[in-house]
């Protein structure tokens, strides 16, 4: 789809420790998954889809909607 954002990601493997860098700030249950937030840019908060749809948490600053978490592989 032409309207989907291009989201850069950085994946590092340091002696078996896998880190994923995303250009946003994962919050709530998405924050504890070996992520390096705010890497290579800023696209807002990455919130759980249910929280965005309910208008909870950081929904107002989750600029790309409820599909961003899955786009980032979270």
PDB file of N, CA and C in Angstrom:
ATOM      1  N   UNK A   1       0.828  -1.170   0.000  1.00  0.00           N
ATOM      2  CA  UNK A   1       0.000   0.000   0.000  1.00  0.00           C
ATOM      3  C   UNK A   1       0.882   1.246   0.000  1.00  0.00           C
ATOM      4  N   UNK A   2       0.607   2.215  -0.828  1.00  0.00           N
ATOM      5  CA  UNK A   2       1.429   3.407  -0.951  1.00  0.00           C
ATOM      6  C   UNK A   2       1.366   4.303   0.275  1.00  0.00           C
ATOM      7  N   UNK A   3       0.291   4.262   1.046  1.00  0.00           N
ATOM      8  CA  UNK A   3       0.145   5.141   2.200  1.00  0.00           C
ATOM      9  C   UNK A   3       0.763   4.593   3.481  1.00  0.00           C
ATOM     10  N   UNK A   4       1.291   3.394   3.458  1.00  0.00           N
ATOM     11  CA  UNK A   4       1.893   2.826   4.655  1.00  0.00           C
ATOM     12  C   UNK A   4       3.241   3.484   4.911  1.00  0.00           C
ATOM     13  N   UNK A   5       3.541   3.792   6.183  1.00  0.00           N
ATOM     14  CA  UNK A   5       4.814   4.436   6.490  1.00  0.00           C
ATOM     15  C   UNK A   5       5.980   3.473   6.317  1.00  0.00           C
ATOM     16  N   UNK A   6       7.124   4.016   5.970  1.00  0.00           N
ATOM     17  CA  UNK A   6       8.361   3.253   5.940  1.00  0.00           C
ATOM     18  C   UNK A   6       9.011   3.464   7.301  1.00  0.00           C
ATOM     19  N   UNK A   7       9.237   2.383   8.019  1.00  0.00           N
ATOM     20  CA  UNK A   7       9.746   2.474   9.379  1.00  0.00           C
ATOM     21  C   UNK A   7      11.102   1.782   9.445  1.00  0.00           C
ATOM     22  N   UNK A   8      12.189   2.550   9.649  1.00  0.00           N
ATOM     23  CA  UNK A   8      13.502   1.916   9.747  1.00  0.00           C
ATOM     24  C   UNK A   8      13.624   1.134  11.044  1.00  0.00           C
ATOM     25  N   UNK A   9      14.323   0.007  10.976  1.00  0.00           N
ATOM     26  CA  UNK A   9      14.584  -0.803  12.162  1.00  0.00           C
ATOM     27  C   UNK A   9      16.046  -1.193  12.161  1.00  0.00           C
ATOM     28  N   UNK A  10      16.562  -1.407  13.335  1.00  0.00           N
ATOM     29  CA  UNK A  10      17.938  -1.837  13.497  1.00  0.00           C
ATOM     30  C   UNK A  10      17.924  -3.103  14.330  1.00  0.00           C
ATOM     31  N   UNK A  11      18.557  -4.145  13.836  1.00  0.00           N
ATOM     32  CA  UNK A  11      18.630  -5.386  14.606  1.00  0.00           C
ATOM     33  C   UNK A  11      20.090  -5.686  14.906  1.00  0.00           C
ATOM     34  N   UNK A  12      20.389  -5.892  16.187  1.00  0.00           N
ATOM     35  CA  UNK A  12      21.743  -6.204  16.622  1.00  0.00           C
ATOM     36  C   UNK A  12      21.748  -7.554  17.312  1.00  0.00           C
ATOM     37  N   UNK A  13      22.778  -8.328  17.054  1.00  0.00           N
ATOM     38  CA  UNK A  13      22.973  -9.575  17.776  1.00  0.00           C
ATOM     39  C   UNK A  13      24.350  -9.489  18.418  1.00  0.00           C
ATOM     40  N   UNK A  14      24.371  -9.390  19.733  1.00  0.00           N
ATOM     41  CA  UNK A  14      25.618  -9.287  20.472  1.00  0.00           C
ATOM     42  C   UNK A  14      25.780 -10.559  21.295  1.00  0.00           C
ATOM     43  N   UNK A  15      26.581 -11.467  20.777  1.00  0.00           N
ATOM     44  CA  UNK A  15      26.832 -12.745  21.449  1.00  0.00           C
ATOM     45  C   UNK A  15      25.553 -13.434  21.886  1.00  0.00           C
ATOM     46  N   UNK A  16      24.593 -13.483  21.001  1.00  0.00           N
ATOM     47  CA  UNK A  16      23.339 -14.174  21.270  1.00  0.00           C
ATOM     48  C   UNK A  16      22.248 -13.312  21.866  1.00  0.00           C
ATOM     49  N   UNK A  17      22.572 -12.082  22.249  1.00  0.00           N
ATOM     50  CA  UNK A  17      21.567 -11.154  22.756  1.00  0.00           C
ATOM     51  C   UNK A  17      21.032 -10.352  21.578  1.00  0.00           C
ATOM     52  N   UNK A  18      19.773 -10.552  21.249  1.00  0.00           N
ATOM     53  CA  UNK A  18      19.163  -9.870  20.104  1.00  0.00           C
ATOM     54  C   UNK A  18      18.455  -8.612  20.580  1.00  0.00           C
ATOM     55  N   UNK A  19      18.812  -7.489  20.002  1.00  0.00           N
ATOM     56  CA  UNK A  19      18.172  -6.216  20.297  1.00  0.00           C
ATOM     57  C   UNK A  19      17.561  -5.663  19.024  1.00  0.00           C
ATOM     58  N   UNK A  20      16.372  -5.138  19.143  1.00  0.00           N
ATOM     59  CA  UNK A  20      15.688  -4.526  18.014  1.00  0.00           C
ATOM     60  C   UNK A  20      15.550  -3.043  18.297  1.00  0.00           C
ATOM     61  N   UNK A  21      16.085  -2.211  17.421  1.00  0.00           N
ATOM     62  CA  UNK A  21      15.969  -0.762  17.557  1.00  0.00           C
ATOM     63  C   UNK A  21      14.822  -0.260  16.706  1.00  0.00           C
ATOM     64  N   UNK A  22      13.926   0.500  17.319  1.00  0.00           N
ATOM     65  CA  UNK A  22      12.780   1.063  16.609  1.00  0.00           C
ATOM     66  C   UNK A  22      12.748   2.569  16.839  1.00  0.00           C
ATOM     67  N   UNK A  23      12.264   3.343  15.866  1.00  0.00           N
ATOM     68  CA  UNK A  23      12.267   4.799  15.979  1.00  0.00           C
ATOM     69  C   UNK A  23      11.048   5.351  16.714  1.00  0.00           C
ATOM     70  N   UNK A  24      10.635   4.687  17.746  1.00  0.00           N
ATOM     71  CA  UNK A  24       9.503   5.132  18.552  1.00  0.00           C
ATOM     72  C   UNK A  24       9.730   4.716  19.988  1.00  0.00           C
ATOM     73  N   UNK A  25       8.763   4.974  20.841  1.00  0.00           N
ATOM     74  CA  UNK A  25       8.888   4.602  22.246  1.00  0.00           C
ATOM     75  C   UNK A  25       7.820   3.585  22.608  1.00  0.00           C
ATOM     76  N   UNK A  26       8.189   2.290  22.648  1.00  0.00           N
ATOM     77  CA  UNK A  26       7.228   1.271  23.050  1.00  0.00           C
ATOM     78  C   UNK A  26       6.807   1.492  24.504  1.00  0.00           C
ATOM     79  N   UNK A  27       5.513   1.389  24.770  1.00  0.00           N
ATOM     80  CA  UNK A  27       5.000   1.604  26.122  1.00  0.00           C
ATOM     81  C   UNK A  27       4.177   0.406  26.573  1.00  0.00           C
ATOM     82  N   UNK A  28       3.906   0.352  27.858  1.00  0.00           N
ATOM     83  CA  UNK A  28       3.087  -0.720  28.406  1.00  0.00           C
ATOM     84  C   UNK A  28       3.728  -2.076  28.203  1.00  0.00           C
ATOM     85  N   UNK A  29       2.919  -3.054  27.859  1.00  0.00           N
ATOM     86  CA  UNK A  29       3.395  -4.428  27.686  1.00  0.00           C
ATOM     87  C   UNK A  29       4.387  -4.565  26.537  1.00  0.00           C
ATOM     88  N   UNK A  30       4.428  -3.611  25.626  1.00  0.00           N
ATOM     89  CA  UNK A  30       5.347  -3.690  24.495  1.00  0.00           C
ATOM     90  C   UNK A  30       6.757  -3.236  24.857  1.00  0.00           C
ATOM     91  N   UNK A  31       6.951  -2.634  26.023  1.00  0.00           N
ATOM     92  CA  UNK A  31       8.240  -2.032  26.356  1.00  0.00           C
ATOM     93  C   UNK A  31       9.287  -3.019  26.855  1.00  0.00           C
ATOM     94  N   UNK A  32       8.913  -4.173  27.323  1.00  0.00           N
ATOM     95  CA  UNK A  32       9.879  -5.097  27.905  1.00  0.00           C
ATOM     96  C   UNK A  32      10.273  -6.230  26.999  1.00  0.00           C
ATOM     97  N   UNK A  33      10.610  -5.962  25.771  1.00  0.00           N
ATOM     98  CA  UNK A  33      10.879  -7.042  24.812  1.00  0.00           C
ATOM     99  C   UNK A  33      12.248  -6.932  24.157  1.00  0.00           C
ATOM    100  N   UNK A  34      13.261  -6.474  24.852  1.00  0.00           N
ATOM    101  CA  UNK A  34      14.585  -6.365  24.256  1.00  0.00           C
ATOM    102  C   UNK A  34      14.654  -5.310  23.176  1.00  0.00           C
ATOM    103  N   UNK A  35      13.968  -4.200  23.422  1.00  0.00           N
ATOM    104  CA  UNK A  35      13.908  -3.132  22.432  1.00  0.00           C
ATOM    105  C   UNK A  35      14.793  -1.966  22.821  1.00  0.00           C
ATOM    106  N   UNK A  36      15.353  -1.335  21.821  1.00  0.00           N
ATOM    107  CA  UNK A  36      16.051  -0.076  22.002  1.00  0.00           C
ATOM    108  C   UNK A  36      15.155   0.971  21.371  1.00  0.00           C
ATOM    109  N   UNK A  37      14.488   1.754  22.190  1.00  0.00           N
ATOM    110  CA  UNK A  37      13.549   2.746  21.675  1.00  0.00           C
ATOM    111  C   UNK A  37      14.247   4.011  21.223  1.00  0.00           C
ATOM    112  N   UNK A  38      13.578   4.765  20.404  1.00  0.00           N
ATOM    113  CA  UNK A  38      14.050   6.045  19.881  1.00  0.00           C
ATOM    114  C   UNK A  38      15.331   5.898  19.074  1.00  0.00           C
ATOM    115  N   UNK A  39      15.507   4.773  18.399  1.00  0.00           N
ATOM    116  CA  UNK A  39      16.682   4.525  17.578  1.00  0.00           C
ATOM    117  C   UNK A  39      16.410   4.975  16.143  1.00  0.00           C
ATOM    118  N   UNK A  40      17.282   5.798  15.607  1.00  0.00           N
ATOM    119  CA  UNK A  40      17.222   6.221  14.204  1.00  0.00           C
ATOM    120  C   UNK A  40      15.957   7.009  13.862  1.00  0.00           C
ATOM    121  N   UNK A  41      15.497   7.866  14.778  1.00  0.00           N
ATOM    122  CA  UNK A  41      14.349   8.714  14.476  1.00  0.00           C
ATOM    123  C   UNK A  41      13.300   8.677  15.564  1.00  0.00           C
ATOM    124  N   UNK A  42      12.165   9.330  15.296  1.00  0.00           N
ATOM    125  CA  UNK A  42      11.062   9.337  16.256  1.00  0.00           C
ATOM    126  C   UNK A  42       9.749   9.360  15.501  1.00  0.00           C
ATOM    127  N   UNK A  43       8.923   8.347  15.710  1.00  0.00           N
ATOM    128  CA  UNK A  43       7.613   8.287  15.052  1.00  0.00           C
ATOM    129  C   UNK A  43       6.479   8.277  16.061  1.00  0.00           C
ATOM    130  N   UNK A  44       6.796   8.599  17.310  1.00  0.00           N
ATOM    131  CA  UNK A  44       5.769   8.643  18.342  1.00  0.00           C
ATOM    132  C   UNK A  44       5.815   7.415  19.226  1.00  0.00           C
ATOM    133  N   UNK A  45       4.756   7.247  19.994  1.00  0.00           N
ATOM    134  CA  UNK A  45       4.656   6.106  20.894  1.00  0.00           C
ATOM    135  C   UNK A  45       4.144   4.885  20.135  1.00  0.00           C
ATOM    136  N   UNK A  46       4.599   3.722  20.575  1.00  0.00           N
ATOM    137  CA  UNK A  46       4.123   2.454  20.029  1.00  0.00           C
ATOM    138  C   UNK A  46       3.297   1.807  21.139  1.00  0.00           C
ATOM    139  N   UNK A  47       2.004   1.873  20.997  1.00  0.00           N
ATOM    140  CA  UNK A  47       1.064   1.410  22.020  1.00  0.00           C
ATOM    141  C   UNK A  47       0.372   0.145  21.535  1.00  0.00           C
ATOM    142  N   UNK A  48      -0.169  -0.612  22.460  1.00  0.00           N
ATOM    143  CA  UNK A  48      -0.926  -1.807  22.107  1.00  0.00           C
ATOM    144  C   UNK A  48      -2.180  -1.411  21.327  1.00  0.00           C
ATOM    145  N   UNK A  49      -2.541  -2.177  20.297  1.00  0.00           N
ATOM    146  CA  UNK A  49      -3.716  -1.833  19.489  1.00  0.00           C
ATOM    147  C   UNK A  49      -4.986  -1.624  20.306  1.00  0.00           C
ATOM    148  N   UNK A  50      -5.240  -2.476  21.285  1.00  0.00           N
ATOM    149  CA  UNK A  50      -6.468  -2.343  22.085  1.00  0.00           C
ATOM    150  C   UNK A  50      -6.493  -1.031  22.857  1.00  0.00           C
ATOM    151  N   UNK A  51      -5.342  -0.587  23.343  1.00  0.00           N
ATOM    152  CA  UNK A  51      -5.274   0.676  24.081  1.00  0.00           C
ATOM    153  C   UNK A  51      -5.547   1.860  23.153  1.00  0.00           C
ATOM    154  N   UNK A  52      -5.034   1.797  21.936  1.00  0.00           N
ATOM    155  CA  UNK A  52      -5.273   2.879  20.975  1.00  0.00           C
ATOM    156  C   UNK A  52      -6.750   2.943  20.622  1.00  0.00           C
ATOM    157  N   UNK A  53      -7.332   1.802  20.329  1.00  0.00           N
ATOM    158  CA  UNK A  53      -8.747   1.769  19.948  1.00  0.00           C
ATOM    159  C   UNK A  53      -9.659   2.236  21.075  1.00  0.00           C
ATOM    160  N   UNK A  54      -9.235   2.041  22.338  1.00  0.00           N
ATOM    161  CA  UNK A  54     -10.030   2.473  23.492  1.00  0.00           C
ATOM    162  C   UNK A  54      -9.692   3.898  23.923  1.00  0.00           C
ATOM    163  N   UNK A  55      -8.689   4.512  23.269  1.00  0.00           N
ATOM    164  CA  UNK A  55      -8.287   5.865  23.637  1.00  0.00           C
ATOM    165  C   UNK A  55      -7.532   5.929  24.950  1.00  0.00           C
ATOM    166  N   UNK A  56      -6.882   4.845  25.336  1.00  0.00           N
ATOM    167  CA  UNK A  56      -6.166   4.768  26.605  1.00  0.00           C
ATOM    168  C   UNK A  56      -4.664   4.911  26.396  1.00  0.00           C
ATOM    169  N   UNK A  57      -3.935   5.025  27.511  1.00  0.00           N
ATOM    170  CA  UNK A  57      -2.480   5.065  27.461  1.00  0.00           C
ATOM    171  C   UNK A  57      -1.977   6.225  26.627  1.00  0.00           C
ATOM    172  N   UNK A  58      -1.100   5.930  25.694  1.00  0.00           N
ATOM    173  CA  UNK A  58      -0.506   6.953  24.827  1.00  0.00           C
ATOM    174  C   UNK A  58      -1.189   6.999  23.465  1.00  0.00           C
ATOM    175  N   UNK A  59      -2.472   6.728  23.433  1.00  0.00           N
ATOM    176  CA  UNK A  59      -3.217   6.697  22.166  1.00  0.00           C
ATOM    177  C   UNK A  59      -3.113   8.013  21.403  1.00  0.00           C
ATOM    178  N   UNK A  60      -3.149   9.131  22.102  1.00  0.00           N
ATOM    179  CA  UNK A  60      -3.111  10.438  21.436  1.00  0.00           C
ATOM    180  C   UNK A  60      -1.778  10.699  20.747  1.00  0.00           C
ATOM    181  N   UNK A  61      -0.707  10.043  21.194  1.00  0.00           N
ATOM    182  CA  UNK A  61       0.609  10.245  20.588  1.00  0.00           C
ATOM    183  C   UNK A  61       1.096   9.004  19.844  1.00  0.00           C
ATOM    184  N   UNK A  62       0.178   8.121  19.513  1.00  0.00           N
ATOM    185  CA  UNK A  62       0.473   6.950  18.683  1.00  0.00           C
ATOM    186  C   UNK A  62       0.016   7.306  17.273  1.00  0.00           C
ATOM    187  N   UNK A  63       0.858   8.055  16.584  1.00  0.00           N
ATOM    188  CA  UNK A  63       0.472   8.730  15.343  1.00  0.00           C
ATOM    189  C   UNK A  63       0.116   7.803  14.189  1.00  0.00           C
ATOM    190  N   UNK A  64       0.613   6.566  14.192  1.00  0.00           N
ATOM    191  CA  UNK A  64       0.373   5.669  13.059  1.00  0.00           C
ATOM    192  C   UNK A  64      -0.694   4.623  13.336  1.00  0.00           C
ATOM    193  N   UNK A  65      -1.428   4.782  14.413  1.00  0.00           N
ATOM    194  CA  UNK A  65      -2.582   3.935  14.671  1.00  0.00           C
ATOM    195  C   UNK A  65      -2.262   2.573  15.248  1.00  0.00           C
ATOM    196  N   UNK A  66      -3.285   1.737  15.362  1.00  0.00           N
ATOM    197  CA  UNK A  66      -3.146   0.449  16.033  1.00  0.00           C
ATOM    198  C   UNK A  66      -2.313  -0.582  15.276  1.00  0.00           C
ATOM    199  N   UNK A  67      -1.986  -0.363  14.025  1.00  0.00           N
ATOM    200  CA  UNK A  67      -1.211  -1.337  13.261  1.00  0.00           C
ATOM    201  C   UNK A  67       0.291  -1.192  13.390  1.00  0.00           C
ATOM    202  N   UNK A  68       0.763  -0.138  14.058  1.00  0.00           N
ATOM    203  CA  UNK A  68       2.207   0.109  14.120  1.00  0.00           C
ATOM    204  C   UNK A  68       2.956  -0.984  14.869  1.00  0.00           C
ATOM    205  N   UNK A  69       2.416  -1.466  15.967  1.00  0.00           N
ATOM    206  CA  UNK A  69       3.109  -2.505  16.743  1.00  0.00           C
ATOM    207  C   UNK A  69       3.370  -3.743  15.889  1.00  0.00           C
ATOM    208  N   UNK A  70       2.393  -4.183  15.134  1.00  0.00           N
ATOM    209  CA  UNK A  70       2.611  -5.375  14.299  1.00  0.00           C
ATOM    210  C   UNK A  70       3.541  -5.066  13.131  1.00  0.00           C
ATOM    211  N   UNK A  71       3.504  -3.838  12.621  1.00  0.00           N
ATOM    212  CA  UNK A  71       4.426  -3.443  11.552  1.00  0.00           C
ATOM    213  C   UNK A  71       5.873  -3.542  12.030  1.00  0.00           C
ATOM    214  N   UNK A  72       6.088  -3.238  13.305  1.00  0.00           N
ATOM    215  CA  UNK A  72       7.427  -3.320  13.885  1.00  0.00           C
ATOM    216  C   UNK A  72       7.769  -4.720  14.380  1.00  0.00           C
ATOM    217  N   UNK A  73       6.832  -5.654  14.265  1.00  0.00           N
ATOM    218  CA  UNK A  73       7.080  -7.019  14.701  1.00  0.00           C
ATOM    219  C   UNK A  73       6.944  -7.216  16.197  1.00  0.00           C
ATOM    220  N   UNK A  74       6.153  -6.352  16.839  1.00  0.00           N
ATOM    221  CA  UNK A  74       5.976  -6.465  18.296  1.00  0.00           C
ATOM    222  C   UNK A  74       4.750  -7.242  18.595  1.00  0.00           C
TER     223      UNK A  74
END
